[in-house]
């Protein structure tokens, strides 16, 4: 069985990020550059983002552990970040500089990682070692 370490790593990071938004969305929001108390609607969206990221990260990791092709999950991950970037651009002028750098910059990095993962070749299967021959 092949183990896609890149997918396992990226999926683990996304899963951990999602879980952090589910466990303590206010603290996670501060880590992403917002020092203010979010409104109840914003808290709902933070939790929704947490569920989304935990699900995508968990499924990316599961595919990696099962030796499945992970490229589609990388594309989904990058697509989620593209949606975040698009939404963030709509409120760009309302964001603080830290939010722009961390939030939008993180989305750009996530898009890049997603595209990289979606376009790379899957890891090769390891062939079992051949039995030694005696003559």
N, C-alpha and C. Protein backbone atom coordinates (compact mmCIF):
# COMPACT_ATOMS: atom_id res chain seq x y z
N UNK A 1 0.85 -1.18 0.00
CA UNK A 1 0.00 0.00 0.00
C UNK A 1 0.90 1.24 0.00
N UNK A 2 0.49 2.22 -0.74
CA UNK A 2 1.25 3.47 -0.78
C UNK A 2 0.69 4.44 0.25
N UNK A 3 1.56 5.26 0.79
CA UNK A 3 1.14 6.26 1.76
C UNK A 3 1.47 7.62 1.18
N UNK A 4 0.46 8.43 0.98
CA UNK A 4 0.63 9.78 0.44
C UNK A 4 0.88 10.71 1.61
N UNK A 5 2.16 10.91 1.92
CA UNK A 5 2.53 11.73 3.08
C UNK A 5 2.12 13.19 2.92
N UNK A 6 2.19 13.70 1.71
CA UNK A 6 1.79 15.10 1.49
C UNK A 6 0.31 15.27 1.81
N UNK A 7 -0.52 14.35 1.34
CA UNK A 7 -1.96 14.43 1.61
C UNK A 7 -2.24 14.25 3.09
N UNK A 8 -1.50 13.37 3.73
CA UNK A 8 -1.67 13.15 5.16
C UNK A 8 -1.33 14.43 5.94
N UNK A 9 -0.26 15.10 5.54
CA UNK A 9 0.16 16.33 6.21
C UNK A 9 -0.83 17.47 5.97
N UNK A 10 -1.18 17.70 4.72
CA UNK A 10 -2.11 18.79 4.39
C UNK A 10 -3.48 18.52 5.01
N UNK A 11 -3.93 17.28 4.93
CA UNK A 11 -5.21 16.93 5.54
C UNK A 11 -5.19 17.12 7.04
N UNK A 12 -4.08 16.76 7.68
CA UNK A 12 -3.96 16.93 9.12
C UNK A 12 -3.99 18.39 9.54
N UNK A 13 -3.34 19.23 8.75
CA UNK A 13 -3.35 20.67 9.06
C UNK A 13 -4.77 21.23 8.92
N UNK A 14 -5.45 20.84 7.84
CA UNK A 14 -6.81 21.33 7.62
C UNK A 14 -7.77 20.79 8.68
N UNK A 15 -7.62 19.53 9.05
CA UNK A 15 -8.45 18.94 10.10
C UNK A 15 -8.23 19.67 11.43
N UNK A 16 -6.97 19.91 11.78
CA UNK A 16 -6.66 20.60 13.04
C UNK A 16 -7.22 22.02 13.04
N UNK A 17 -7.10 22.71 11.91
CA UNK A 17 -7.66 24.06 11.81
C UNK A 17 -9.18 24.03 11.99
N UNK A 18 -9.82 23.08 11.33
CA UNK A 18 -11.27 22.97 11.46
C UNK A 18 -11.70 22.67 12.88
N UNK A 19 -10.99 21.76 13.53
CA UNK A 19 -11.32 21.41 14.92
C UNK A 19 -11.13 22.61 15.83
N UNK A 20 -10.09 23.41 15.57
CA UNK A 20 -9.87 24.59 16.41
C UNK A 20 -11.04 25.57 16.30
N UNK A 21 -11.61 25.69 15.11
CA UNK A 21 -12.77 26.58 14.93
C UNK A 21 -14.03 26.01 15.58
N UNK A 22 -14.09 24.69 15.73
CA UNK A 22 -15.24 24.08 16.38
C UNK A 22 -15.13 24.14 17.91
N UNK A 23 -13.93 23.92 18.42
CA UNK A 23 -13.73 23.91 19.87
C UNK A 23 -13.82 25.32 20.45
N UNK A 24 -13.12 26.25 19.85
CA UNK A 24 -13.09 27.62 20.37
C UNK A 24 -13.03 28.61 19.20
N UNK A 25 -14.19 28.88 18.58
CA UNK A 25 -14.19 29.75 17.40
C UNK A 25 -13.69 31.16 17.69
N UNK A 26 -13.88 31.67 18.89
CA UNK A 26 -13.43 33.03 19.20
C UNK A 26 -11.91 33.09 19.24
N UNK A 27 -11.30 32.09 19.86
CA UNK A 27 -9.84 32.06 19.91
C UNK A 27 -9.24 31.82 18.52
N UNK A 28 -9.82 30.92 17.77
CA UNK A 28 -9.34 30.65 16.42
C UNK A 28 -9.47 31.90 15.55
N UNK A 29 -10.54 32.64 15.73
CA UNK A 29 -10.74 33.87 14.97
C UNK A 29 -9.65 34.89 15.29
N UNK A 30 -9.24 34.95 16.55
CA UNK A 30 -8.15 35.85 16.93
C UNK A 30 -6.84 35.44 16.26
N UNK A 31 -6.60 34.14 16.16
CA UNK A 31 -5.38 33.67 15.49
C UNK A 31 -5.35 34.08 14.02
N UNK A 32 -6.53 34.26 13.42
CA UNK A 32 -6.61 34.65 12.02
C UNK A 32 -6.66 36.17 11.86
N UNK A 33 -6.36 36.91 12.94
CA UNK A 33 -6.16 38.35 12.80
C UNK A 33 -7.29 39.24 13.27
N UNK A 34 -8.36 38.69 13.82
CA UNK A 34 -9.48 39.53 14.27
C UNK A 34 -9.49 39.57 15.79
N UNK A 35 -9.23 40.73 16.34
CA UNK A 35 -9.18 40.88 17.80
C UNK A 35 -10.55 41.23 18.39
N UNK A 36 -11.52 41.59 17.56
CA UNK A 36 -12.84 41.99 18.05
C UNK A 36 -13.73 40.78 18.29
N UNK A 37 -14.73 40.97 19.12
CA UNK A 37 -15.72 39.93 19.39
C UNK A 37 -16.64 39.80 18.16
N UNK A 38 -16.67 38.60 17.55
CA UNK A 38 -17.53 38.45 16.36
C UNK A 38 -19.02 38.46 16.73
N UNK A 39 -19.82 38.91 15.81
CA UNK A 39 -21.27 38.90 15.99
C UNK A 39 -21.76 37.45 15.99
N UNK A 40 -22.97 37.20 16.46
CA UNK A 40 -23.50 35.83 16.42
C UNK A 40 -23.52 35.24 15.00
N UNK A 41 -23.81 36.06 14.01
CA UNK A 41 -23.80 35.57 12.63
C UNK A 41 -22.38 35.17 12.22
N UNK A 42 -21.40 35.99 12.60
CA UNK A 42 -20.01 35.65 12.28
C UNK A 42 -19.59 34.38 13.01
N UNK A 43 -20.05 34.19 14.25
CA UNK A 43 -19.73 32.96 14.99
C UNK A 43 -20.31 31.73 14.29
N UNK A 44 -21.50 31.87 13.76
CA UNK A 44 -22.11 30.77 12.99
C UNK A 44 -21.24 30.42 11.80
N UNK A 45 -20.77 31.45 11.09
CA UNK A 45 -19.94 31.21 9.92
C UNK A 45 -18.58 30.61 10.30
N UNK A 46 -18.03 31.03 11.44
CA UNK A 46 -16.77 30.45 11.91
C UNK A 46 -16.94 28.96 12.18
N UNK A 47 -18.03 28.60 12.84
CA UNK A 47 -18.29 27.18 13.11
C UNK A 47 -18.54 26.41 11.81
N UNK A 48 -19.25 27.02 10.89
CA UNK A 48 -19.49 26.36 9.59
C UNK A 48 -18.17 26.11 8.88
N UNK A 49 -17.28 27.08 8.92
CA UNK A 49 -15.97 26.92 8.32
C UNK A 49 -15.20 25.81 9.03
N UNK A 50 -15.36 25.71 10.34
CA UNK A 50 -14.72 24.65 11.10
C UNK A 50 -15.20 23.27 10.67
N UNK A 51 -16.51 23.11 10.53
CA UNK A 51 -17.05 21.82 10.07
C UNK A 51 -16.53 21.49 8.67
N UNK A 52 -16.54 22.48 7.80
CA UNK A 52 -16.08 22.28 6.42
C UNK A 52 -14.62 21.84 6.40
N UNK A 53 -13.77 22.58 7.12
CA UNK A 53 -12.35 22.27 7.09
C UNK A 53 -12.04 20.93 7.76
N UNK A 54 -12.73 20.62 8.86
CA UNK A 54 -12.53 19.33 9.51
C UNK A 54 -12.95 18.19 8.58
N UNK A 55 -14.05 18.36 7.88
CA UNK A 55 -14.52 17.32 6.96
C UNK A 55 -13.55 17.13 5.80
N UNK A 56 -13.14 18.21 5.17
CA UNK A 56 -12.21 18.11 4.04
C UNK A 56 -10.89 17.51 4.50
N UNK A 57 -10.36 18.01 5.61
CA UNK A 57 -9.09 17.49 6.12
C UNK A 57 -9.17 16.02 6.49
N UNK A 58 -10.26 15.64 7.14
CA UNK A 58 -10.43 14.24 7.52
C UNK A 58 -10.55 13.33 6.32
N UNK A 59 -11.28 13.76 5.30
CA UNK A 59 -11.44 12.93 4.09
C UNK A 59 -10.14 12.86 3.28
N UNK A 60 -9.38 13.94 3.28
CA UNK A 60 -8.08 13.93 2.61
C UNK A 60 -7.14 12.94 3.32
N UNK A 61 -7.15 12.98 4.64
CA UNK A 61 -6.32 12.05 5.40
C UNK A 61 -6.78 10.60 5.20
N UNK A 62 -8.09 10.38 5.20
CA UNK A 62 -8.62 9.03 5.02
C UNK A 62 -8.21 8.46 3.67
N UNK A 63 -8.30 9.28 2.63
CA UNK A 63 -7.89 8.82 1.30
C UNK A 63 -6.40 8.48 1.30
N UNK A 64 -5.59 9.30 1.96
CA UNK A 64 -4.15 9.05 2.01
C UNK A 64 -3.86 7.74 2.75
N UNK A 65 -4.52 7.53 3.87
CA UNK A 65 -4.27 6.32 4.67
C UNK A 65 -4.74 5.05 3.96
N UNK A 66 -5.76 5.17 3.12
CA UNK A 66 -6.27 4.00 2.39
C UNK A 66 -5.53 3.76 1.08
N UNK A 67 -4.61 4.64 0.75
CA UNK A 67 -3.86 4.49 -0.48
C UNK A 67 -4.65 4.87 -1.72
N UNK A 68 -5.67 5.69 -1.55
CA UNK A 68 -6.50 6.14 -2.67
C UNK A 68 -5.90 7.39 -3.31
N UNK A 69 -6.38 7.70 -4.49
CA UNK A 69 -5.97 8.92 -5.19
C UNK A 69 -6.50 10.12 -4.41
N UNK A 70 -5.63 11.01 -4.01
CA UNK A 70 -6.01 12.16 -3.18
C UNK A 70 -6.17 13.44 -3.98
N UNK A 71 -5.91 13.38 -5.27
CA UNK A 71 -5.90 14.63 -6.06
C UNK A 71 -7.24 15.35 -6.02
N UNK A 72 -8.34 14.63 -6.03
CA UNK A 72 -9.65 15.27 -5.97
C UNK A 72 -9.87 16.00 -4.66
N UNK A 73 -9.39 15.42 -3.55
CA UNK A 73 -9.55 16.08 -2.26
C UNK A 73 -8.66 17.31 -2.14
N UNK A 74 -7.48 17.27 -2.79
CA UNK A 74 -6.66 18.48 -2.85
C UNK A 74 -7.41 19.58 -3.60
N UNK A 75 -8.07 19.21 -4.68
CA UNK A 75 -8.82 20.19 -5.46
C UNK A 75 -9.98 20.77 -4.63
N UNK A 76 -10.67 19.94 -3.89
CA UNK A 76 -11.74 20.41 -3.01
C UNK A 76 -11.17 21.38 -1.96
N UNK A 77 -10.02 21.03 -1.40
CA UNK A 77 -9.39 21.88 -0.40
C UNK A 77 -9.03 23.25 -0.99
N UNK A 78 -8.42 23.24 -2.17
CA UNK A 78 -8.09 24.50 -2.83
C UNK A 78 -9.34 25.29 -3.21
N UNK A 79 -10.39 24.58 -3.60
CA UNK A 79 -11.64 25.25 -3.94
C UNK A 79 -12.27 25.94 -2.74
N UNK A 80 -12.18 25.31 -1.57
CA UNK A 80 -12.70 25.94 -0.35
C UNK A 80 -11.93 27.22 -0.06
N UNK A 81 -10.61 27.18 -0.26
CA UNK A 81 -9.81 28.38 -0.04
C UNK A 81 -10.09 29.44 -1.10
N UNK A 82 -10.37 29.01 -2.32
CA UNK A 82 -10.74 29.99 -3.36
C UNK A 82 -12.05 30.68 -3.00
N UNK A 83 -13.00 29.94 -2.45
CA UNK A 83 -14.26 30.55 -2.01
C UNK A 83 -14.01 31.55 -0.88
N UNK A 84 -13.11 31.19 0.04
CA UNK A 84 -12.75 32.12 1.12
C UNK A 84 -12.11 33.39 0.58
N UNK A 85 -11.21 33.23 -0.39
CA UNK A 85 -10.56 34.40 -0.98
C UNK A 85 -11.57 35.29 -1.70
N UNK A 86 -12.44 34.68 -2.47
CA UNK A 86 -13.46 35.45 -3.19
C UNK A 86 -14.36 36.20 -2.21
N UNK A 87 -14.78 35.53 -1.16
CA UNK A 87 -15.61 36.19 -0.15
C UNK A 87 -14.85 37.29 0.57
N UNK A 88 -13.58 37.04 0.85
CA UNK A 88 -12.75 38.03 1.53
C UNK A 88 -12.51 39.27 0.68
N UNK A 89 -12.40 39.08 -0.62
CA UNK A 89 -12.18 40.24 -1.49
C UNK A 89 -13.39 41.17 -1.48
N UNK A 90 -14.56 40.62 -1.22
CA UNK A 90 -15.76 41.45 -1.16
C UNK A 90 -15.79 42.37 0.04
N UNK A 91 -15.03 42.03 1.08
CA UNK A 91 -14.99 42.87 2.29
C UNK A 91 -13.56 43.36 2.57
N UNK A 92 -12.73 43.35 1.55
CA UNK A 92 -11.32 43.70 1.68
C UNK A 92 -11.12 45.04 2.39
N UNK A 93 -11.88 46.04 2.00
CA UNK A 93 -11.69 47.39 2.55
C UNK A 93 -12.18 47.50 3.99
N UNK A 94 -12.98 46.54 4.44
CA UNK A 94 -13.45 46.54 5.82
C UNK A 94 -12.52 45.76 6.75
N UNK A 95 -11.54 45.07 6.17
CA UNK A 95 -10.64 44.23 6.96
C UNK A 95 -9.46 45.04 7.48
N UNK A 96 -8.98 44.63 8.65
CA UNK A 96 -7.76 45.22 9.21
C UNK A 96 -6.56 44.63 8.47
N UNK A 97 -5.42 45.31 8.49
CA UNK A 97 -4.24 44.79 7.79
C UNK A 97 -3.87 43.36 8.19
N UNK A 98 -3.94 43.03 9.48
CA UNK A 98 -3.61 41.66 9.91
C UNK A 98 -4.57 40.64 9.31
N UNK A 99 -5.84 41.01 9.23
CA UNK A 99 -6.83 40.10 8.63
C UNK A 99 -6.55 39.88 7.15
N UNK A 100 -6.14 40.93 6.48
CA UNK A 100 -5.82 40.81 5.06
C UNK A 100 -4.64 39.88 4.85
N UNK A 101 -3.60 40.08 5.64
CA UNK A 101 -2.39 39.28 5.47
C UNK A 101 -2.64 37.83 5.85
N UNK A 102 -3.20 37.60 7.01
CA UNK A 102 -3.38 36.23 7.50
C UNK A 102 -4.53 35.54 6.77
N UNK A 103 -5.68 36.17 6.72
CA UNK A 103 -6.86 35.54 6.12
C UNK A 103 -6.76 35.36 4.62
N UNK A 104 -6.49 36.46 3.93
CA UNK A 104 -6.43 36.37 2.46
C UNK A 104 -5.13 35.71 2.00
N UNK A 105 -4.03 36.01 2.71
CA UNK A 105 -2.76 35.35 2.36
C UNK A 105 -2.83 33.85 2.58
N UNK A 106 -3.48 33.45 3.67
CA UNK A 106 -3.65 32.02 3.93
C UNK A 106 -4.50 31.35 2.85
N UNK A 107 -5.51 32.06 2.37
CA UNK A 107 -6.34 31.50 1.30
C UNK A 107 -5.53 31.33 0.02
N UNK A 108 -4.68 32.29 -0.28
CA UNK A 108 -3.84 32.19 -1.49
C UNK A 108 -2.89 31.00 -1.38
N UNK A 109 -2.28 30.83 -0.21
CA UNK A 109 -1.39 29.68 0.00
C UNK A 109 -2.19 28.38 -0.12
N UNK A 110 -3.38 28.35 0.46
CA UNK A 110 -4.23 27.15 0.38
C UNK A 110 -4.62 26.81 -1.04
N UNK A 111 -4.89 27.82 -1.85
CA UNK A 111 -5.21 27.59 -3.27
C UNK A 111 -4.01 26.97 -3.96
N UNK A 112 -2.83 27.53 -3.70
CA UNK A 112 -1.62 27.01 -4.32
C UNK A 112 -1.36 25.56 -3.93
N UNK A 113 -1.51 25.25 -2.66
CA UNK A 113 -1.30 23.87 -2.19
C UNK A 113 -2.34 22.95 -2.82
N UNK A 114 -3.59 23.41 -2.88
CA UNK A 114 -4.64 22.59 -3.49
C UNK A 114 -4.37 22.30 -4.95
N UNK A 115 -3.94 23.32 -5.69
CA UNK A 115 -3.62 23.12 -7.11
C UNK A 115 -2.41 22.22 -7.29
N UNK A 116 -1.40 22.41 -6.46
CA UNK A 116 -0.23 21.54 -6.52
C UNK A 116 -0.63 20.08 -6.29
N UNK A 117 -1.41 19.86 -5.23
CA UNK A 117 -1.81 18.49 -4.90
C UNK A 117 -2.71 17.88 -5.95
N UNK A 118 -3.53 18.70 -6.58
CA UNK A 118 -4.47 18.19 -7.58
C UNK A 118 -3.78 17.86 -8.90
N UNK A 119 -2.64 18.45 -9.16
CA UNK A 119 -1.98 18.24 -10.46
C UNK A 119 -0.75 17.35 -10.37
N UNK A 120 -0.39 16.91 -9.21
CA UNK A 120 0.80 16.06 -9.09
C UNK A 120 0.47 14.60 -9.40
N UNK A 121 1.49 13.86 -9.66
CA UNK A 121 1.31 12.42 -9.89
C UNK A 121 1.11 11.74 -8.55
N UNK A 122 0.25 10.73 -8.52
CA UNK A 122 0.10 9.99 -7.26
C UNK A 122 1.40 9.26 -6.91
N UNK A 123 1.66 9.06 -5.62
CA UNK A 123 2.87 8.32 -5.25
C UNK A 123 2.83 6.92 -5.87
N UNK A 124 3.99 6.42 -6.24
CA UNK A 124 4.07 5.09 -6.83
C UNK A 124 3.90 4.02 -5.76
N UNK A 125 3.32 2.94 -6.19
CA UNK A 125 3.19 1.80 -5.27
C UNK A 125 4.56 1.18 -5.08
N UNK A 126 4.79 0.75 -3.88
CA UNK A 126 6.04 0.04 -3.62
C UNK A 126 5.86 -1.40 -4.07
N UNK A 127 6.78 -1.84 -4.87
CA UNK A 127 6.75 -3.22 -5.34
C UNK A 127 7.39 -4.10 -4.26
N UNK A 128 6.80 -5.27 -4.01
CA UNK A 128 7.42 -6.14 -3.02
C UNK A 128 8.79 -6.59 -3.52
N UNK A 129 9.68 -6.74 -2.58
CA UNK A 129 11.04 -7.17 -2.95
C UNK A 129 10.98 -8.57 -3.55
N UNK A 130 11.73 -8.75 -4.59
CA UNK A 130 11.77 -10.05 -5.23
C UNK A 130 12.52 -11.03 -4.35
N UNK A 131 12.05 -12.26 -4.37
CA UNK A 131 12.71 -13.31 -3.59
C UNK A 131 14.06 -13.60 -4.22
N UNK A 132 15.07 -13.83 -3.41
CA UNK A 132 16.39 -14.11 -3.99
C UNK A 132 16.35 -15.43 -4.76
N UNK A 133 17.04 -15.45 -5.83
CA UNK A 133 17.09 -16.68 -6.63
C UNK A 133 18.40 -17.39 -6.36
N UNK A 134 18.33 -18.69 -6.36
CA UNK A 134 19.55 -19.48 -6.18
C UNK A 134 19.81 -20.27 -7.45
N UNK A 135 21.02 -20.38 -7.80
CA UNK A 135 21.37 -21.09 -9.02
C UNK A 135 22.09 -22.34 -8.74
